[in-house]
Amino acid sequence: MDLFLRSWTALRTAVAELPDEDFAKPSGCTGWLVRDLVCHLIIDAQDVLITLVTPAETEPTRDAVTYWDIVEAPTGDDPLDALIVRLATAYEEPRLLKFHLDDVGSAAGRAAELADPAGRVGTRDQVLTAGDYLCAYVLEWTLHHLDLIAHLPDAAEPPTEGLARSRELLEKIAGAAFPPSFCDKDALLIGTGRRAPAEAEKAELGELAAKLPLVLG
């Protein structure tokens, strides 16, 4: 729970500190500018709020690892992806995106603080404990923090503990560990296809290279 809040706060703070001109720069998400990614984060925050107030009575069907499905790489043809770009454009001014993210994002953070980690919640036709759901979102926040700063060298990095936990989750999803020589950031970028491995890195990956990239959905 604490790591969810730290990762989410760090991401929202990084957005709040961006100068306006950075919103028109590319993000680490293919086809999305920084403003599109921030619009997606607003929708993510709404999803957190909705999920935390959607109690479930049945036994959990997923946990923080199995919450994630391996999907095909995005092509840009998905209607929701296209909608996010149109929504981001409609904001017109970065300050409006910042305001909406702060408003909804702060509420999502408060809801997480109030949630019972053992309570069961429903989302995507699955049931998880609130604790597992919020743990899964540490990976979401960390990856999107890396996406946010992909072309912004002066922006703050994600928390080191969030990077470490996200690597741990990704290794469990992959069913294999990344080479010890890989720092957590590189393991996440290479593991999810955000960066192609160099030849030496590919050699170190061994059989794991054939499983990559892991596109999470």
C-alpha atoms as a PDB file:
ATOM      1  CA  MET A   1       0.000   0.000   0.000  1.00  0.00           C
ATOM      2  CA  ASP A   2       2.775   2.420   0.950  1.00  0.00           C
ATOM      3  CA  LEU A   3       4.724   1.677  -2.229  1.00  0.00           C
ATOM      4  CA  PHE A   4       1.633   2.330  -4.356  1.00  0.00           C
ATOM      5  CA  LEU A   5       1.309   5.767  -2.763  1.00  0.00           C
ATOM      6  CA  ARG A   6       4.994   6.606  -3.121  1.00  0.00           C
ATOM      7  CA  SER A   7       5.073   5.537  -6.775  1.00  0.00           C
ATOM      8  CA  TRP A   8       1.854   7.383  -7.594  1.00  0.00           C
ATOM      9  CA  THR A   9       2.899  10.539  -5.765  1.00  0.00           C
ATOM     10  CA  ALA A  10       6.272  10.546  -7.534  1.00  0.00           C
ATOM     11  CA  LEU A  11       4.613  10.185 -10.937  1.00  0.00           C
ATOM     12  CA  ARG A  12       2.080  12.945 -10.304  1.00  0.00           C
ATOM     13  CA  THR A  13       4.813  15.219  -8.959  1.00  0.00           C
ATOM     14  CA  ALA A  14       6.904  14.611 -12.081  1.00  0.00           C
ATOM     15  CA  VAL A  15       3.937  15.632 -14.240  1.00  0.00           C
ATOM     16  CA  ALA A  16       3.239  18.715 -12.128  1.00  0.00           C
ATOM     17  CA  GLU A  17       6.845  19.889 -12.523  1.00  0.00           C
ATOM     18  CA  LEU A  18       6.946  19.603 -16.329  1.00  0.00           C
ATOM     19  CA  PRO A  19       7.225  22.849 -18.271  1.00  0.00           C
ATOM     20  CA  ASP A  20       4.422  23.368 -20.797  1.00  0.00           C
ATOM     21  CA  GLU A  21       6.643  22.704 -23.806  1.00  0.00           C
ATOM     22  CA  ASP A  22       7.369  19.154 -22.607  1.00  0.00           C
ATOM     23  CA  PHE A  23       3.750  18.130 -23.129  1.00  0.00           C
ATOM     24  CA  ALA A  24       4.260  18.247 -26.900  1.00  0.00           C
ATOM     25  CA  LYS A  25       7.311  15.967 -26.774  1.00  0.00           C
ATOM     26  CA  PRO A  26       7.153  12.216 -27.457  1.00  0.00           C
ATOM     27  CA  SER A  27       6.655   9.820 -24.580  1.00  0.00           C
ATOM     28  CA  GLY A  28       7.924   6.271 -24.236  1.00  0.00           C
ATOM     29  CA  CYS A  29       4.535   4.967 -25.418  1.00  0.00           C
ATOM     30  CA  THR A  30       4.589   4.458 -29.183  1.00  0.00           C
ATOM     31  CA  GLY A  31       2.443   7.064 -30.908  1.00  0.00           C
ATOM     32  CA  TRP A  32       1.725   9.066 -27.768  1.00  0.00           C
ATOM     33  CA  LEU A  33       3.002  12.485 -26.836  1.00  0.00           C
ATOM     34  CA  VAL A  34       3.540  13.334 -23.182  1.00  0.00           C
ATOM     35  CA  ARG A  35       0.107  15.028 -23.110  1.00  0.00           C
ATOM     36  CA  ASP A  36      -1.512  11.782 -24.342  1.00  0.00           C
ATOM     37  CA  LEU A  37       0.223   9.790 -21.626  1.00  0.00           C
ATOM     38  CA  VAL A  38      -0.932  12.240 -18.945  1.00  0.00           C
ATOM     39  CA  CYS A  39      -4.491  11.924 -20.254  1.00  0.00           C
ATOM     40  CA  HIS A  40      -4.141   8.148 -19.942  1.00  0.00           C
ATOM     41  CA  LEU A  41      -2.990   8.583 -16.335  1.00  0.00           C
ATOM     42  CA  ILE A  42      -6.200  10.483 -15.590  1.00  0.00           C
ATOM     43  CA  ILE A  43      -8.174   7.516 -16.889  1.00  0.00           C
ATOM     44  CA  ASP A  44      -5.973   5.161 -14.848  1.00  0.00           C
ATOM     45  CA  ALA A  45      -6.766   7.189 -11.724  1.00  0.00           C
ATOM     46  CA  GLN A  46     -10.468   6.900 -12.503  1.00  0.00           C
ATOM     47  CA  ASP A  47     -10.066   3.135 -12.871  1.00  0.00           C
ATOM     48  CA  VAL A  48      -8.422   2.948  -9.438  1.00  0.00           C
ATOM     49  CA  LEU A  49     -11.287   4.883  -7.883  1.00  0.00           C
ATOM     50  CA  ILE A  50     -13.909   2.726  -9.592  1.00  0.00           C
ATOM     51  CA  THR A  51     -12.196  -0.528  -8.623  1.00  0.00           C
ATOM     52  CA  LEU A  52     -11.692   0.388  -4.968  1.00  0.00           C
ATOM     53  CA  VAL A  53     -15.426   1.081  -4.580  1.00  0.00           C
ATOM     54  CA  THR A  54     -16.452  -2.110  -6.396  1.00  0.00           C
ATOM     55  CA  PRO A  55     -16.516  -4.760  -3.664  1.00  0.00           C
ATOM     56  CA  ALA A  56     -16.595  -8.451  -4.547  1.00  0.00           C
ATOM     57  CA  GLU A  57     -17.910 -11.346  -2.474  1.00  0.00           C
ATOM     58  CA  THR A  58     -16.254 -14.259  -4.262  1.00  0.00           C
ATOM     59  CA  GLU A  59     -12.751 -15.635  -3.817  1.00  0.00           C
ATOM     60  CA  PRO A  60      -9.912 -13.851  -5.628  1.00  0.00           C
ATOM     61  CA  THR A  61      -9.250 -15.092  -9.149  1.00  0.00           C
ATOM     62  CA  ARG A  62      -6.062 -13.058  -9.712  1.00  0.00           C
ATOM     63  CA  ASP A  63      -3.187 -11.632  -7.714  1.00  0.00           C
ATOM     64  CA  ALA A  64      -0.639  -8.866  -8.334  1.00  0.00           C
ATOM     65  CA  VAL A  65       1.202 -11.026 -10.874  1.00  0.00           C
ATOM     66  CA  THR A  66      -1.670 -12.767 -12.671  1.00  0.00           C
ATOM     67  CA  TYR A  67      -3.588  -9.468 -12.876  1.00  0.00           C
ATOM     68  CA  TRP A  68      -1.511  -8.814 -16.000  1.00  0.00           C
ATOM     69  CA  ASP A  69      -2.194 -10.460 -19.350  1.00  0.00           C
ATOM     70  CA  ILE A  70       0.398 -10.702 -22.116  1.00  0.00           C
ATOM     71  CA  VAL A  71      -1.106  -8.990 -25.156  1.00  0.00           C
ATOM     72  CA  GLU A  72      -0.104  -8.032 -28.676  1.00  0.00           C
ATOM     73  CA  ALA A  73       1.947  -4.882 -29.126  1.00  0.00           C
ATOM     74  CA  PRO A  74      -0.288  -1.849 -29.781  1.00  0.00           C
ATOM     75  CA  THR A  75      -0.686  -0.863 -33.411  1.00  0.00           C
ATOM     76  CA  GLY A  76      -2.374   2.489 -32.877  1.00  0.00           C
ATOM     77  CA  ASP A  77      -5.665   1.151 -34.246  1.00  0.00           C
ATOM     78  CA  ASP A  78      -7.298   0.543 -30.863  1.00  0.00           C
ATOM     79  CA  PRO A  79     -10.346   2.864 -30.505  1.00  0.00           C
ATOM     80  CA  LEU A  80      -9.530   3.667 -26.872  1.00  0.00           C
ATOM     81  CA  ASP A  81      -5.977   4.677 -27.769  1.00  0.00           C
ATOM     82  CA  ALA A  82      -7.336   6.974 -30.479  1.00  0.00           C
ATOM     83  CA  LEU A  83      -9.881   8.406 -28.035  1.00  0.00           C
ATOM     84  CA  ILE A  84      -7.147   9.259 -25.537  1.00  0.00           C
ATOM     85  CA  VAL A  85      -5.275  11.256 -28.185  1.00  0.00           C
ATOM     86  CA  ARG A  86      -8.441  13.204 -29.034  1.00  0.00           C
ATOM     87  CA  LEU A  87      -9.193  13.821 -25.356  1.00  0.00           C
ATOM     88  CA  ALA A  88      -5.661  15.036 -24.695  1.00  0.00           C
ATOM     89  CA  THR A  89      -5.920  17.467 -27.602  1.00  0.00           C
ATOM     90  CA  ALA A  90      -9.224  18.778 -26.265  1.00  0.00           C
ATOM     91  CA  TYR A  91      -7.560  19.922 -23.039  1.00  0.00           C
ATOM     92  CA  GLU A  92      -5.682  22.514 -25.147  1.00  0.00           C
ATOM     93  CA  GLU A  93      -3.551  23.776 -22.240  1.00  0.00           C
ATOM     94  CA  PRO A  94      -1.136  21.659 -20.171  1.00  0.00           C
ATOM     95  CA  ARG A  95      -2.305  23.351 -16.963  1.00  0.00           C
ATOM     96  CA  LEU A  96      -5.748  21.793 -17.460  1.00  0.00           C
ATOM     97  CA  LEU A  97      -4.262  18.323 -17.777  1.00  0.00           C
ATOM     98  CA  LYS A  98      -2.163  18.974 -14.668  1.00  0.00           C
ATOM     99  CA  PHE A  99      -5.207  20.170 -12.735  1.00  0.00           C
ATOM    100  CA  HIS A 100      -7.368  17.190 -13.692  1.00  0.00           C
ATOM    101  CA  LEU A 101      -4.603  14.677 -12.897  1.00  0.00           C
ATOM    102  CA  ASP A 102      -3.972  16.314  -9.531  1.00  0.00           C
ATOM    103  CA  ASP A 103      -7.693  16.385  -8.748  1.00  0.00           C
ATOM    104  CA  VAL A 104      -8.578  12.811  -9.703  1.00  0.00           C
ATOM    105  CA  GLY A 105      -5.140  11.463  -8.827  1.00  0.00           C
ATOM    106  CA  SER A 106      -5.268  12.846  -5.286  1.00  0.00           C
ATOM    107  CA  ALA A 107      -8.670  11.216  -4.808  1.00  0.00           C
ATOM    108  CA  ALA A 108      -7.301   7.878  -6.032  1.00  0.00           C
ATOM    109  CA  GLY A 109      -4.454   8.191  -3.552  1.00  0.00           C
ATOM    110  CA  ARG A 110      -6.847   8.890  -0.674  1.00  0.00           C
ATOM    111  CA  ALA A 111      -9.013   5.936  -1.687  1.00  0.00           C
ATOM    112  CA  ALA A 112      -5.938   3.693  -1.637  1.00  0.00           C
ATOM    113  CA  GLU A 113      -5.002   4.908   1.841  1.00  0.00           C
ATOM    114  CA  LEU A 114      -8.502   4.090   3.109  1.00  0.00           C
ATOM    115  CA  ALA A 115      -8.751   0.683   1.420  1.00  0.00           C
ATOM    116  CA  ASP A 116      -8.593  -2.545   3.413  1.00  0.00           C
ATOM    117  CA  PRO A 117      -5.731  -4.535   1.836  1.00  0.00           C
ATOM    118  CA  ALA A 118      -7.576  -7.786   2.540  1.00  0.00           C
ATOM    119  CA  GLY A 119     -10.849  -6.539   1.065  1.00  0.00           C
ATOM    120  CA  ARG A 120     -11.880  -8.005  -2.276  1.00  0.00           C
ATOM    121  CA  VAL A 121     -12.530  -5.815  -5.295  1.00  0.00           C
ATOM    122  CA  GLY A 122     -13.743  -6.513  -8.802  1.00  0.00           C
ATOM    123  CA  THR A 123     -12.215  -5.247 -12.036  1.00  0.00           C
ATOM    124  CA  ARG A 124     -12.010  -6.526 -15.625  1.00  0.00           C
ATOM    125  CA  ASP A 125     -14.320  -9.428 -14.685  1.00  0.00           C
ATOM    126  CA  GLN A 126     -11.751 -10.585 -12.137  1.00  0.00           C
ATOM    127  CA  VAL A 127     -11.537 -10.497  -8.329  1.00  0.00           C
ATOM    128  CA  LEU A 128      -8.442  -9.451  -6.360  1.00  0.00           C
ATOM    129  CA  THR A 129      -7.691  -8.289  -2.867  1.00  0.00           C
ATOM    130  CA  ALA A 130      -7.287  -4.524  -2.754  1.00  0.00           C
ATOM    131  CA  GLY A 131      -3.702  -5.059  -1.637  1.00  0.00           C
ATOM    132  CA  ASP A 132      -2.864  -7.160  -4.694  1.00  0.00           C
ATOM    133  CA  TYR A 133      -4.621  -4.703  -6.993  1.00  0.00           C
ATOM    134  CA  LEU A 134      -2.639  -1.768  -5.631  1.00  0.00           C
ATOM    135  CA  CYS A 135       0.573  -3.791  -5.782  1.00  0.00           C
ATOM    136  CA  ALA A 136      -0.089  -4.518  -9.465  1.00  0.00           C
ATOM    137  CA  TYR A 137      -0.442  -0.791 -10.038  1.00  0.00           C
ATOM    138  CA  VAL A 138       3.060  -0.149  -8.713  1.00  0.00           C
ATOM    139  CA  LEU A 139       4.201  -1.722 -11.989  1.00  0.00           C
ATOM    140  CA  GLU A 140       1.754   0.440 -13.951  1.00  0.00           C
ATOM    141  CA  TRP A 141       2.932   3.658 -12.303  1.00  0.00           C
ATOM    142  CA  THR A 142       6.605   2.766 -12.619  1.00  0.00           C
ATOM    143  CA  LEU A 143       6.427   1.852 -16.309  1.00  0.00           C
ATOM    144  CA  HIS A 144       4.458   4.992 -17.121  1.00  0.00           C
ATOM    145  CA  HIS A 145       6.889   7.094 -15.110  1.00  0.00           C
ATOM    146  CA  LEU A 146       9.623   5.709 -17.356  1.00  0.00           C
ATOM    147  CA  ASP A 147       7.422   6.489 -20.374  1.00  0.00           C
ATOM    148  CA  LEU A 148       6.933  10.038 -19.147  1.00  0.00           C
ATOM    149  CA  ILE A 149      10.646  10.783 -18.865  1.00  0.00           C
ATOM    150  CA  ALA A 150      11.803   8.763 -21.876  1.00  0.00           C
ATOM    151  CA  HIS A 151      12.749  11.930 -23.795  1.00  0.00           C
ATOM    152  CA  LEU A 152      12.990  14.296 -20.822  1.00  0.00           C
ATOM    153  CA  PRO A 153      16.484  13.890 -19.367  1.00  0.00           C
ATOM    154  CA  ASP A 154      15.946  16.508 -16.639  1.00  0.00           C
ATOM    155  CA  ALA A 155      12.786  14.928 -15.220  1.00  0.00           C
ATOM    156  CA  ALA A 156      12.848  12.972 -11.953  1.00  0.00           C
ATOM    157  CA  GLU A 157      13.221   9.179 -12.077  1.00  0.00           C
ATOM    158  CA  PRO A 158      10.753   6.758 -10.447  1.00  0.00           C
ATOM    159  CA  PRO A 159      11.462   5.752  -6.818  1.00  0.00           C
ATOM    160  CA  THR A 160      14.183   3.112  -6.586  1.00  0.00           C
ATOM    161  CA  GLU A 161      11.995   0.853  -4.464  1.00  0.00           C
ATOM    162  CA  GLY A 162       9.248   1.057  -7.098  1.00  0.00           C
ATOM    163  CA  LEU A 163      11.716   0.063  -9.803  1.00  0.00           C
ATOM    164  CA  ALA A 164      12.898  -2.894  -7.722  1.00  0.00           C
ATOM    165  CA  ARG A 165       9.377  -4.099  -6.959  1.00  0.00           C
ATOM    166  CA  SER A 166       8.320  -3.688 -10.581  1.00  0.00           C
ATOM    167  CA  ARG A 167      11.288  -5.747 -11.748  1.00  0.00           C
ATOM    168  CA  GLU A 168      10.320  -8.451  -9.261  1.00  0.00           C
ATOM    169  CA  LEU A 169       6.755  -8.514 -10.599  1.00  0.00           C
ATOM    170  CA  LEU A 170       7.922  -8.581 -14.221  1.00  0.00           C
ATOM    171  CA  GLU A 171      10.283 -11.473 -13.508  1.00  0.00           C
ATOM    172  CA  LYS A 172       7.406 -13.428 -11.970  1.00  0.00           C
ATOM    173  CA  ILE A 173       5.270 -12.670 -15.023  1.00  0.00           C
ATOM    174  CA  ALA A 174       8.109 -13.824 -17.271  1.00  0.00           C
ATOM    175  CA  GLY A 175       8.815 -16.873 -15.149  1.00  0.00           C
ATOM    176  CA  ALA A 176      12.520 -16.068 -15.237  1.00  0.00           C
ATOM    177  CA  ALA A 177      14.993 -13.585 -13.776  1.00  0.00           C
ATOM    178  CA  PHE A 178      16.766 -10.903 -15.763  1.00  0.00           C
ATOM    179  CA  PRO A 179      20.576 -10.997 -15.667  1.00  0.00           C
ATOM    180  CA  PRO A 180      22.033  -9.543 -12.448  1.00  0.00           C
ATOM    181  CA  SER A 181      24.077  -7.137 -14.575  1.00  0.00           C
ATOM    182  CA  PHE A 182      20.849  -5.432 -15.704  1.00  0.00           C
ATOM    183  CA  CYS A 183      19.829  -2.518 -13.510  1.00  0.00           C
ATOM    184  CA  ASP A 184      16.141  -2.445 -12.590  1.00  0.00           C
ATOM    185  CA  LYS A 185      15.374   0.306 -15.104  1.00  0.00           C
ATOM    186  CA  ASP A 186      17.010  -1.541 -18.001  1.00  0.00           C
ATOM    187  CA  ALA A 187      15.290  -4.809 -17.026  1.00  0.00           C
ATOM    188  CA  LEU A 188      11.915  -3.058 -17.205  1.00  0.00           C
ATOM    189  CA  LEU A 189      12.623  -1.185 -20.436  1.00  0.00           C
ATOM    190  CA  ILE A 190      14.016  -4.225 -22.247  1.00  0.00           C
ATOM    191  CA  GLY A 191      11.559  -6.650 -20.695  1.00  0.00           C
ATOM    192  CA  THR A 192       8.517  -4.683 -21.869  1.00  0.00           C
ATOM    193  CA  GLY A 193       9.904  -3.765 -25.268  1.00  0.00           C
ATOM    194  CA  ARG A 194      10.464  -0.121 -24.480  1.00  0.00           C
ATOM    195  CA  ARG A 195      14.105  -0.531 -25.472  1.00  0.00           C
ATOM    196  CA  ALA A 196      15.726  -3.133 -27.700  1.00  0.00           C
ATOM    197  CA  PRO A 197      18.596  -5.017 -26.055  1.00  0.00           C
ATOM    198  CA  ALA A 198      22.093  -4.495 -27.379  1.00  0.00           C
ATOM    199  CA  GLU A 199      23.802  -7.607 -28.753  1.00  0.00           C
ATOM    200  CA  ALA A 200      25.732  -8.144 -25.516  1.00  0.00           C
ATOM    201  CA  GLU A 201      22.537  -7.756 -23.475  1.00  0.00           C
ATOM    202  CA  LYS A 202      20.685 -10.170 -25.747  1.00  0.00           C
ATOM    203  CA  ALA A 203      23.422 -12.735 -25.232  1.00  0.00           C
ATOM    204  CA  GLU A 204      23.110 -12.330 -21.457  1.00  0.00           C
ATOM    205  CA  LEU A 205      19.348 -12.818 -21.644  1.00  0.00           C
ATOM    206  CA  GLY A 206      19.818 -16.285 -23.099  1.00  0.00           C
ATOM    207  CA  GLU A 207      16.557 -18.210 -23.457  1.00  0.00           C
ATOM    208  CA  LEU A 208      14.611 -15.366 -21.852  1.00  0.00           C
ATOM    209  CA  ALA A 209      15.222 -13.256 -24.987  1.00  0.00           C
ATOM    210  CA  ALA A 210      12.788 -15.451 -26.919  1.00  0.00           C
ATOM    211  CA  LYS A 211       9.966 -14.526 -24.517  1.00  0.00           C
ATOM    212  CA  LEU A 212      10.459 -10.787 -24.932  1.00  0.00           C
ATOM    213  CA  PRO A 213       8.989  -8.304 -25.170  1.00  0.00           C
ATOM    214  CA  LEU A 214       6.308  -8.791 -22.522  1.00  0.00           C
ATOM    215  CA  VAL A 215       3.529  -6.420 -23.550  1.00  0.00           C
ATOM    216  CA  LEU A 216       1.240  -6.074 -20.549  1.00  0.00           C
ATOM    217  CA  GLY A 217      -2.452  -5.421 -20.717  1.00  0.00           C
END
